[in-house]
Amino acid sequence: MAYNKISMFSAFVLLLSFVFLISSGESKMTFNNGFVKQSKLVCNSIYGTQVGDTCSSIIEEFQLSATTFNAINPNLNCNVVFVGEWLCLDGITV
């Protein structure tokens, strides 16, 4: 009789743990997609890269800080800057 109660209790705890795990995962998906406002970058000035341009040379030429430059060009890979790539030089996040 005691073994049966322990078995039922263990199964109940396991079931609750599983339900909690699923609900916490679902709430994270809902929270990220439904309630958090996604920021949007608006560029006020852009530059098309030319032969020989690097992130450092562009930062120096346009007197930007590296932090600002990276923030307004979040998907830029400075190891592979290709000719004609459009970069943001002045922008804000809304």
PDB file of N, CA and C in Angstrom:
ATOM      1  N   MET A   1       0.822  -1.196   0.000  1.00  0.00           N
ATOM      2  CA  MET A   1       0.000   0.000   0.000  1.00  0.00           C
ATOM      3  C   MET A   1       0.870   1.265   0.000  1.00  0.00           C
ATOM      4  N   ALA A   2       1.908   1.290   0.859  1.00  0.00           N
ATOM      5  CA  ALA A   2       2.799   2.443   0.932  1.00  0.00           C
ATOM      6  C   ALA A   2       3.572   2.602  -0.372  1.00  0.00           C
ATOM      7  N   TYR A   3       3.958   1.468  -0.972  1.00  0.00           N
ATOM      8  CA  TYR A   3       4.682   1.494  -2.230  1.00  0.00           C
ATOM      9  C   TYR A   3       3.827   2.119  -3.332  1.00  0.00           C
ATOM     10  N   ASN A   4       2.552   1.840  -3.347  1.00  0.00           N
ATOM     11  CA  ASN A   4       1.631   2.368  -4.339  1.00  0.00           C
ATOM     12  C   ASN A   4       1.488   3.883  -4.191  1.00  0.00           C
ATOM     13  N   LYS A   5       1.421   4.384  -2.949  1.00  0.00           N
ATOM     14  CA  LYS A   5       1.304   5.830  -2.715  1.00  0.00           C
ATOM     15  C   LYS A   5       2.578   6.549  -3.140  1.00  0.00           C
ATOM     16  N   ILE A   6       3.719   5.958  -2.832  1.00  0.00           N
ATOM     17  CA  ILE A   6       4.996   6.563  -3.228  1.00  0.00           C
ATOM     18  C   ILE A   6       5.105   6.591  -4.749  1.00  0.00           C
ATOM     19  N   SER A   7       4.697   5.529  -5.377  1.00  0.00           N
ATOM     20  CA  SER A   7       4.726   5.445  -6.829  1.00  0.00           C
ATOM     21  C   SER A   7       3.816   6.499  -7.465  1.00  0.00           C
ATOM     22  N   MET A   8       2.626   6.658  -6.937  1.00  0.00           N
ATOM     23  CA  MET A   8       1.686   7.663  -7.449  1.00  0.00           C
ATOM     24  C   MET A   8       2.225   9.072  -7.225  1.00  0.00           C
ATOM     25  N   PHE A   9       2.801   9.311  -6.048  1.00  0.00           N
ATOM     26  CA  PHE A   9       3.359  10.626  -5.735  1.00  0.00           C
ATOM     27  C   PHE A   9       4.514  10.947  -6.688  1.00  0.00           C
ATOM     28  N   SER A  10       5.385   9.978  -6.931  1.00  0.00           N
ATOM     29  CA  SER A  10       6.516  10.176  -7.843  1.00  0.00           C
ATOM     30  C   SER A  10       6.029  10.480  -9.258  1.00  0.00           C
ATOM     31  N   ALA A  11       5.022   9.767  -9.702  1.00  0.00           N
ATOM     32  CA  ALA A  11       4.466  10.007 -11.031  1.00  0.00           C
ATOM     33  C   ALA A  11       3.849  11.399 -11.115  1.00  0.00           C
ATOM     34  N   PHE A  12       3.179  11.825 -10.060  1.00  0.00           N
ATOM     35  CA  PHE A  12       2.567  13.151 -10.016  1.00  0.00           C
ATOM     36  C   PHE A  12       3.636  14.242 -10.078  1.00  0.00           C
ATOM     37  N   VAL A  13       4.707  14.084  -9.300  1.00  0.00           N
ATOM     38  CA  VAL A  13       5.801  15.061  -9.305  1.00  0.00           C
ATOM     39  C   VAL A  13       6.453  15.104 -10.688  1.00  0.00           C
ATOM     40  N   LEU A  14       6.662  13.966 -11.284  1.00  0.00           N
ATOM     41  CA  LEU A  14       7.246  13.904 -12.617  1.00  0.00           C
ATOM     42  C   LEU A  14       6.356  14.605 -13.645  1.00  0.00           C
ATOM     43  N   LEU A  15       5.073  14.382 -13.566  1.00  0.00           N
ATOM     44  CA  LEU A  15       4.124  15.023 -14.470  1.00  0.00           C
ATOM     45  C   LEU A  15       4.123  16.541 -14.285  1.00  0.00           C
ATOM     46  N   LEU A  16       4.114  16.995 -13.030  1.00  0.00           N
ATOM     47  CA  LEU A  16       4.154  18.437 -12.767  1.00  0.00           C
ATOM     48  C   LEU A  16       5.445  19.058 -13.290  1.00  0.00           C
ATOM     49  N   SER A  17       6.556  18.363 -13.108  1.00  0.00           N
ATOM     50  CA  SER A  17       7.839  18.863 -13.612  1.00  0.00           C
ATOM     51  C   SER A  17       7.800  19.005 -15.127  1.00  0.00           C
ATOM     52  N   PHE A  18       7.238  18.025 -15.793  1.00  0.00           N
ATOM     53  CA  PHE A  18       7.131  18.063 -17.247  1.00  0.00           C
ATOM     54  C   PHE A  18       6.245  19.220 -17.705  1.00  0.00           C
ATOM     55  N   VAL A  19       5.115  19.404 -17.053  1.00  0.00           N
ATOM     56  CA  VAL A  19       4.201  20.499 -17.395  1.00  0.00           C
ATOM     57  C   VAL A  19       4.885  21.843 -17.162  1.00  0.00           C
ATOM     58  N   PHE A  20       5.605  21.980 -16.058  1.00  0.00           N
ATOM     59  CA  PHE A  20       6.321  23.225 -15.766  1.00  0.00           C
ATOM     60  C   PHE A  20       7.378  23.498 -16.830  1.00  0.00           C
ATOM     61  N   LEU A  21       8.111  22.474 -17.221  1.00  0.00           N
ATOM     62  CA  LEU A  21       9.143  22.625 -18.236  1.00  0.00           C
ATOM     63  C   LEU A  21       8.550  23.097 -19.562  1.00  0.00           C
ATOM     64  N   ILE A  22       7.473  22.491 -19.988  1.00  0.00           N
ATOM     65  CA  ILE A  22       6.816  22.873 -21.242  1.00  0.00           C
ATOM     66  C   ILE A  22       6.254  24.289 -21.154  1.00  0.00           C
ATOM     67  N   SER A  23       5.593  24.618 -20.054  1.00  0.00           N
ATOM     68  CA  SER A  23       4.979  25.945 -19.939  1.00  0.00           C
ATOM     69  C   SER A  23       6.026  27.041 -19.865  1.00  0.00           C
ATOM     70  N   SER A  24       7.159  26.785 -19.223  1.00  0.00           N
ATOM     71  CA  SER A  24       8.197  27.819 -19.165  1.00  0.00           C
ATOM     72  C   SER A  24       8.807  28.035 -20.540  1.00  0.00           C
ATOM     73  N   GLY A  25       8.975  26.986 -21.306  1.00  0.00           N
ATOM     74  CA  GLY A  25       9.480  27.132 -22.674  1.00  0.00           C
ATOM     75  C   GLY A  25       8.510  27.886 -23.554  1.00  0.00           C
ATOM     76  N   GLU A  26       7.241  27.596 -23.441  1.00  0.00           N
ATOM     77  CA  GLU A  26       6.221  28.285 -24.225  1.00  0.00           C
ATOM     78  C   GLU A  26       6.122  29.752 -23.830  1.00  0.00           C
ATOM     79  N   SER A  27       6.255  30.049 -22.546  1.00  0.00           N
ATOM     80  CA  SER A  27       6.146  31.443 -22.114  1.00  0.00           C
ATOM     81  C   SER A  27       7.312  32.262 -22.640  1.00  0.00           C
ATOM     82  N   LYS A  28       8.494  31.670 -22.758  1.00  0.00           N
ATOM     83  CA  LYS A  28       9.636  32.389 -23.313  1.00  0.00           C
ATOM     84  C   LYS A  28       9.398  32.706 -24.775  1.00  0.00           C
ATOM     85  N   MET A  29       8.829  31.766 -25.514  1.00  0.00           N
ATOM     86  CA  MET A  29       8.539  32.017 -26.920  1.00  0.00           C
ATOM     87  C   MET A  29       7.502  33.120 -27.058  1.00  0.00           C
ATOM     88  N   THR A  30       6.475  33.093 -26.253  1.00  0.00           N
ATOM     89  CA  THR A  30       5.431  34.109 -26.304  1.00  0.00           C
ATOM     90  C   THR A  30       5.984  35.457 -25.882  1.00  0.00           C
ATOM     91  N   PHE A  31       6.797  35.455 -24.825  1.00  0.00           N
ATOM     92  CA  PHE A  31       7.341  36.709 -24.326  1.00  0.00           C
ATOM     93  C   PHE A  31       8.227  37.372 -25.368  1.00  0.00           C
ATOM     94  N   ASN A  32       9.091  36.623 -26.007  1.00  0.00           N
ATOM     95  CA  ASN A  32       9.998  37.210 -26.986  1.00  0.00           C
ATOM     96  C   ASN A  32       9.283  37.674 -28.243  1.00  0.00           C
ATOM     97  N   ASN A  33       8.245  36.980 -28.645  1.00  0.00           N
ATOM     98  CA  ASN A  33       7.576  37.342 -29.891  1.00  0.00           C
ATOM     99  C   ASN A  33       6.369  38.240 -29.701  1.00  0.00           C
ATOM    100  N   GLY A  34       5.799  38.254 -28.502  1.00  0.00           N
ATOM    101  CA  GLY A  34       4.554  38.959 -28.339  1.00  0.00           C
ATOM    102  C   GLY A  34       4.605  40.205 -27.489  1.00  0.00           C
ATOM    103  N   PHE A  35       5.518  40.286 -26.559  1.00  0.00           N
ATOM    104  CA  PHE A  35       5.459  41.379 -25.603  1.00  0.00           C
ATOM    105  C   PHE A  35       6.668  42.304 -25.629  1.00  0.00           C
ATOM    106  N   VAL A  36       7.771  41.868 -26.159  1.00  0.00           N
ATOM    107  CA  VAL A  36       8.965  42.697 -26.199  1.00  0.00           C
ATOM    108  C   VAL A  36       8.961  43.478 -27.502  1.00  0.00           C
ATOM    109  N   LYS A  37       9.073  44.784 -27.397  1.00  0.00           N
ATOM    110  CA  LYS A  37       9.097  45.612 -28.597  1.00  0.00           C
ATOM    111  C   LYS A  37      10.452  45.445 -29.282  1.00  0.00           C
ATOM    112  N   GLN A  38      10.426  45.084 -30.543  1.00  0.00           N
ATOM    113  CA  GLN A  38      11.648  44.915 -31.310  1.00  0.00           C
ATOM    114  C   GLN A  38      12.157  46.293 -31.730  1.00  0.00           C
ATOM    115  N   SER A  39      13.457  46.535 -31.509  1.00  0.00           N
ATOM    116  CA  SER A  39      14.021  47.817 -31.904  1.00  0.00           C
ATOM    117  C   SER A  39      14.298  47.806 -33.409  1.00  0.00           C
ATOM    118  N   LYS A  40      14.266  48.981 -33.989  1.00  0.00           N
ATOM    119  CA  LYS A  40      14.463  49.126 -35.428  1.00  0.00           C
ATOM    120  C   LYS A  40      15.501  50.213 -35.655  1.00  0.00           C
ATOM    121  N   LEU A  41      16.478  49.930 -36.491  1.00  0.00           N
ATOM    122  CA  LEU A  41      17.533  50.884 -36.798  1.00  0.00           C
ATOM    123  C   LEU A  41      17.110  51.754 -37.977  1.00  0.00           C
ATOM    124  N   VAL A  42      17.255  53.056 -37.819  1.00  0.00           N
ATOM    125  CA  VAL A  42      16.967  54.000 -38.896  1.00  0.00           C
ATOM    126  C   VAL A  42      18.267  54.725 -39.225  1.00  0.00           C
ATOM    127  N   CYS A  43      18.754  54.555 -40.460  1.00  0.00           N
ATOM    128  CA  CYS A  43      19.994  55.205 -40.900  1.00  0.00           C
ATOM    129  C   CYS A  43      19.683  56.562 -41.511  1.00  0.00           C
ATOM    130  N   ASN A  44      20.421  57.557 -41.075  1.00  0.00           N
ATOM    131  CA  ASN A  44      20.274  58.902 -41.635  1.00  0.00           C
ATOM    132  C   ASN A  44      21.323  59.183 -42.701  1.00  0.00           C
ATOM    133  N   SER A  45      22.411  58.412 -42.684  1.00  0.00           N
ATOM    134  CA  SER A  45      23.485  58.600 -43.647  1.00  0.00           C
ATOM    135  C   SER A  45      24.133  57.243 -43.927  1.00  0.00           C
ATOM    136  N   ILE A  46      24.361  56.941 -45.213  1.00  0.00           N
ATOM    137  CA  ILE A  46      24.966  55.660 -45.572  1.00  0.00           C
ATOM    138  C   ILE A  46      26.201  55.879 -46.430  1.00  0.00           C
ATOM    139  N   TYR A  47      27.015  54.839 -46.520  1.00  0.00           N
ATOM    140  CA  TYR A  47      28.244  54.893 -47.306  1.00  0.00           C
ATOM    141  C   TYR A  47      28.416  53.570 -48.032  1.00  0.00           C
ATOM    142  N   GLY A  48      28.727  53.632 -49.317  1.00  0.00           N
ATOM    143  CA  GLY A  48      29.032  52.434 -50.104  1.00  0.00           C
ATOM    144  C   GLY A  48      30.531  52.199 -50.082  1.00  0.00           C
ATOM    145  N   THR A  49      30.933  51.044 -49.593  1.00  0.00           N
ATOM    146  CA  THR A  49      32.365  50.772 -49.451  1.00  0.00           C
ATOM    147  C   THR A  49      33.051  50.698 -50.809  1.00  0.00           C
ATOM    148  N   GLN A  50      34.340  51.029 -50.786  1.00  0.00           N
ATOM    149  CA  GLN A  50      35.157  51.048 -51.992  1.00  0.00           C
ATOM    150  C   GLN A  50      36.359  50.132 -51.800  1.00  0.00           C
ATOM    151  N   VAL A  51      37.099  49.912 -52.866  1.00  0.00           N
ATOM    152  CA  VAL A  51      38.286  49.062 -52.806  1.00  0.00           C
ATOM    153  C   VAL A  51      39.238  49.590 -51.735  1.00  0.00           C
ATOM    154  N   GLY A  52      39.691  48.714 -50.870  1.00  0.00           N
ATOM    155  CA  GLY A  52      40.651  49.080 -49.833  1.00  0.00           C
ATOM    156  C   GLY A  52      40.026  49.522 -48.524  1.00  0.00           C
ATOM    157  N   ASP A  53      38.706  49.707 -48.495  1.00  0.00           N
ATOM    158  CA  ASP A  53      38.053  50.119 -47.248  1.00  0.00           C
ATOM    159  C   ASP A  53      38.099  49.001 -46.214  1.00  0.00           C
ATOM    160  N   THR A  54      38.311  49.410 -44.982  1.00  0.00           N
ATOM    161  CA  THR A  54      38.205  48.511 -43.837  1.00  0.00           C
ATOM    162  C   THR A  54      37.331  49.210 -42.809  1.00  0.00           C
ATOM    163  N   CYS A  55      36.898  48.478 -41.831  1.00  0.00           N
ATOM    164  CA  CYS A  55      36.097  49.107 -40.774  1.00  0.00           C
ATOM    165  C   CYS A  55      36.893  50.229 -40.116  1.00  0.00           C
ATOM    166  N   SER A  56      38.161  49.966 -39.851  1.00  0.00           N
ATOM    167  CA  SER A  56      39.005  50.973 -39.194  1.00  0.00           C
ATOM    168  C   SER A  56      39.158  52.227 -40.043  1.00  0.00           C
ATOM    169  N   SER A  57      39.362  52.053 -41.355  1.00  0.00           N
ATOM    170  CA  SER A  57      39.548  53.229 -42.214  1.00  0.00           C
ATOM    171  C   SER A  57      38.258  54.046 -42.322  1.00  0.00           C
ATOM    172  N   ILE A  58      37.126  53.378 -42.341  1.00  0.00           N
ATOM    173  CA  ILE A  58      35.837  54.083 -42.414  1.00  0.00           C
ATOM    174  C   ILE A  58      35.573  54.822 -41.107  1.00  0.00           C
ATOM    175  N   ILE A  59      35.851  54.168 -39.988  1.00  0.00           N
ATOM    176  CA  ILE A  59      35.675  54.804 -38.674  1.00  0.00           C
ATOM    177  C   ILE A  59      36.533  56.056 -38.584  1.00  0.00           C
ATOM    178  N   GLU A  60      37.778  55.959 -39.047  1.00  0.00           N
ATOM    179  CA  GLU A  60      38.689  57.106 -39.000  1.00  0.00           C
ATOM    180  C   GLU A  60      38.253  58.208 -39.966  1.00  0.00           C
ATOM    181  N   GLU A  61      37.897  57.828 -41.192  1.00  0.00           N
ATOM    182  CA  GLU A  61      37.519  58.811 -42.213  1.00  0.00           C
ATOM    183  C   GLU A  61      36.297  59.632 -41.807  1.00  0.00           C
ATOM    184  N   PHE A  62      35.316  58.975 -41.190  1.00  0.00           N
ATOM    185  CA  PHE A  62      34.083  59.667 -40.832  1.00  0.00           C
ATOM    186  C   PHE A  62      34.029  60.056 -39.357  1.00  0.00           C
ATOM    187  N   GLN A  63      35.154  59.919 -38.662  1.00  0.00           N
ATOM    188  CA  GLN A  63      35.305  60.332 -37.262  1.00  0.00           C
ATOM    189  C   GLN A  63      34.208  59.742 -36.372  1.00  0.00           C
ATOM    190  N   LEU A  64      34.059  58.421 -36.451  1.00  0.00           N
ATOM    191  CA  LEU A  64      33.090  57.702 -35.631  1.00  0.00           C
ATOM    192  C   LEU A  64      33.824  56.960 -34.524  1.00  0.00           C
ATOM    193  N   SER A  65      33.118  56.651 -33.471  1.00  0.00           N
ATOM    194  CA  SER A  65      33.701  55.760 -32.465  1.00  0.00           C
ATOM    195  C   SER A  65      33.409  54.329 -32.909  1.00  0.00           C
ATOM    196  N   ALA A  66      34.279  53.419 -32.541  1.00  0.00           N
ATOM    197  CA  ALA A  66      34.081  52.016 -32.910  1.00  0.00           C
ATOM    198  C   ALA A  66      32.788  51.481 -32.312  1.00  0.00           C
ATOM    199  N   THR A  67      32.462  51.919 -31.104  1.00  0.00           N
ATOM    200  CA  THR A  67      31.232  51.473 -30.444  1.00  0.00           C
ATOM    201  C   THR A  67      30.004  51.905 -31.230  1.00  0.00           C
ATOM    202  N   THR A  68      29.967  53.153 -31.634  1.00  0.00           N
ATOM    203  CA  THR A  68      28.839  53.670 -32.413  1.00  0.00           C
ATOM    204  C   THR A  68      28.748  52.972 -33.767  1.00  0.00           C
ATOM    205  N   PHE A  69      29.881  52.851 -34.438  1.00  0.00           N
ATOM    206  CA  PHE A  69      29.913  52.214 -35.762  1.00  0.00           C
ATOM    207  C   PHE A  69      29.376  50.787 -35.698  1.00  0.00           C
ATOM    208  N   ASN A  70      29.808  50.034 -34.703  1.00  0.00           N
ATOM    209  CA  ASN A  70      29.342  48.647 -34.555  1.00  0.00           C
ATOM    210  C   ASN A  70      27.873  48.582 -34.159  1.00  0.00           C
ATOM    211  N   ALA A  71      27.417  49.551 -33.380  1.00  0.00           N
ATOM    212  CA  ALA A  71      26.015  49.558 -32.955  1.00  0.00           C
ATOM    213  C   ALA A  71      25.070  49.840 -34.122  1.00  0.00           C
ATOM    214  N   ILE A  72      25.477  50.712 -35.035  1.00  0.00           N
ATOM    215  CA  ILE A  72      24.600  51.058 -36.153  1.00  0.00           C
ATOM    216  C   ILE A  72      24.806  50.150 -37.371  1.00  0.00           C
ATOM    217  N   ASN A  73      25.761  49.234 -37.265  1.00  0.00           N
ATOM    218  CA  ASN A  73      26.000  48.221 -38.301  1.00  0.00           C
ATOM    219  C   ASN A  73      26.103  46.845 -37.637  1.00  0.00           C
ATOM    220  N   PRO A  74      25.015  46.388 -37.013  1.00  0.00           N
ATOM    221  CA  PRO A  74      25.090  45.184 -36.176  1.00  0.00           C
ATOM    222  C   PRO A  74      25.405  43.890 -36.930  1.00  0.00           C
ATOM    223  N   ASN A  75      25.115  43.811 -38.201  1.00  0.00           N
ATOM    224  CA  ASN A  75      25.353  42.571 -38.955  1.00  0.00           C
ATOM    225  C   ASN A  75      26.632  42.611 -39.779  1.00  0.00           C
ATOM    226  N   LEU A  76      27.434  43.623 -39.582  1.00  0.00           N
ATOM    227  CA  LEU A  76      28.659  43.782 -40.353  1.00  0.00           C
ATOM    228  C   LEU A  76      29.753  42.859 -39.830  1.00  0.00           C
ATOM    229  N   ASN A  77      30.407  42.167 -40.742  1.00  0.00           N
ATOM    230  CA  ASN A  77      31.574  41.355 -40.410  1.00  0.00           C
ATOM    231  C   ASN A  77      32.793  42.125 -40.898  1.00  0.00           C
ATOM    232  N   CYS A  78      33.532  42.727 -39.976  1.00  0.00           N
ATOM    233  CA  CYS A  78      34.675  43.569 -40.350  1.00  0.00           C
ATOM    234  C   CYS A  78      35.816  42.777 -40.979  1.00  0.00           C
ATOM    235  N   ASN A  79      35.794  41.468 -40.868  1.00  0.00           N
ATOM    236  CA  ASN A  79      36.822  40.649 -41.513  1.00  0.00           C
ATOM    237  C   ASN A  79      36.557  40.480 -43.003  1.00  0.00           C
ATOM    238  N   VAL A  80      35.321  40.734 -43.428  1.00  0.00           N
ATOM    239  CA  VAL A  80      34.950  40.554 -44.833  1.00  0.00           C
ATOM    240  C   VAL A  80      34.074  41.733 -45.265  1.00  0.00           C
ATOM    241  N   VAL A  81      34.707  42.858 -45.570  1.00  0.00           N
ATOM    242  CA  VAL A  81      33.980  44.024 -46.082  1.00  0.00           C
ATOM    243  C   VAL A  81      34.116  43.984 -47.599  1.00  0.00           C
ATOM    244  N   PHE A  82      32.986  43.904 -48.305  1.00  0.00           N
ATOM    245  CA  PHE A  82      33.069  43.807 -49.759  1.00  0.00           C
ATOM    246  C   PHE A  82      32.727  45.140 -50.420  1.00  0.00           C
ATOM    247  N   VAL A  83      33.257  45.353 -51.602  1.00  0.00           N
ATOM    248  CA  VAL A  83      33.055  46.590 -52.357  1.00  0.00           C
ATOM    249  C   VAL A  83      31.573  46.754 -52.669  1.00  0.00           C
ATOM    250  N   GLY A  84      31.057  47.943 -52.391  1.00  0.00           N
ATOM    251  CA  GLY A  84      29.656  48.246 -52.649  1.00  0.00           C
ATOM    252  C   GLY A  84      28.737  47.942 -51.483  1.00  0.00           C
ATOM    253  N   GLU A  85      29.287  47.442 -50.395  1.00  0.00           N
ATOM    254  CA  GLU A  85      28.466  47.152 -49.212  1.00  0.00           C
ATOM    255  C   GLU A  85      28.007  48.475 -48.597  1.00  0.00           C
ATOM    256  N   TRP A  86      26.718  48.572 -48.302  1.00  0.00           N
ATOM    257  CA  TRP A  86      26.167  49.794 -47.731  1.00  0.00           C
ATOM    258  C   TRP A  86      26.301  49.753 -46.217  1.00  0.00           C
ATOM    259  N   LEU A  87      26.934  50.775 -45.668  1.00  0.00           N
ATOM    260  CA  LEU A  87      27.133  50.864 -44.228  1.00  0.00           C
ATOM    261  C   LEU A  87      26.459  52.114 -43.695  1.00  0.00           C
ATOM    262  N   CYS A  88      25.926  52.001 -42.507  1.00  0.00           N
ATOM    263  CA  CYS A  88      25.282  53.130 -41.850  1.00  0.00           C
ATOM    264  C   CYS A  88      26.355  53.972 -41.159  1.00  0.00           C
ATOM    265  N   LEU A  89      26.324  55.278 -41.383  1.00  0.00           N
ATOM    266  CA  LEU A  89      27.279  56.184 -40.749  1.00  0.00           C
ATOM    267  C   LEU A  89      26.650  57.006 -39.640  1.00  0.00           C
ATOM    268  N   ASP A  90      25.351  57.192 -39.720  1.00  0.00           N
ATOM    269  CA  ASP A  90      24.632  57.965 -38.710  1.00  0.00           C
ATOM    270  C   ASP A  90      23.237  57.375 -38.608  1.00  0.00           C
ATOM    271  N   GLY A  91      22.869  56.952 -37.426  1.00  0.00           N
ATOM    272  CA  GLY A  91      21.558  56.345 -37.281  1.00  0.00           C
ATOM    273  C   GLY A  91      21.094  56.320 -35.845  1.00  0.00           C
ATOM    274  N   ILE A  92      19.829  55.968 -35.684  1.00  0.00           N
ATOM    275  CA  ILE A  92      19.235  55.859 -34.355  1.00  0.00           C
ATOM    276  C   ILE A  92      18.412  54.575 -34.287  1.00  0.00           C
ATOM    277  N   THR A  93      18.198  54.120 -33.073  1.00  0.00           N
ATOM    278  CA  THR A  93      17.349  52.963 -32.844  1.00  0.00           C
ATOM    279  C   THR A  93      16.024  53.444 -32.297  1.00  0.00           C
ATOM    280  N   VAL A  94      14.933  53.035 -32.942  1.00  0.00           N
ATOM    281  CA  VAL A  94      13.591  53.424 -32.485  1.00  0.00           C
ATOM    282  C   VAL A  94      12.808  52.204 -32.073  1.00  0.00           C
TER     283      VAL A  94
END
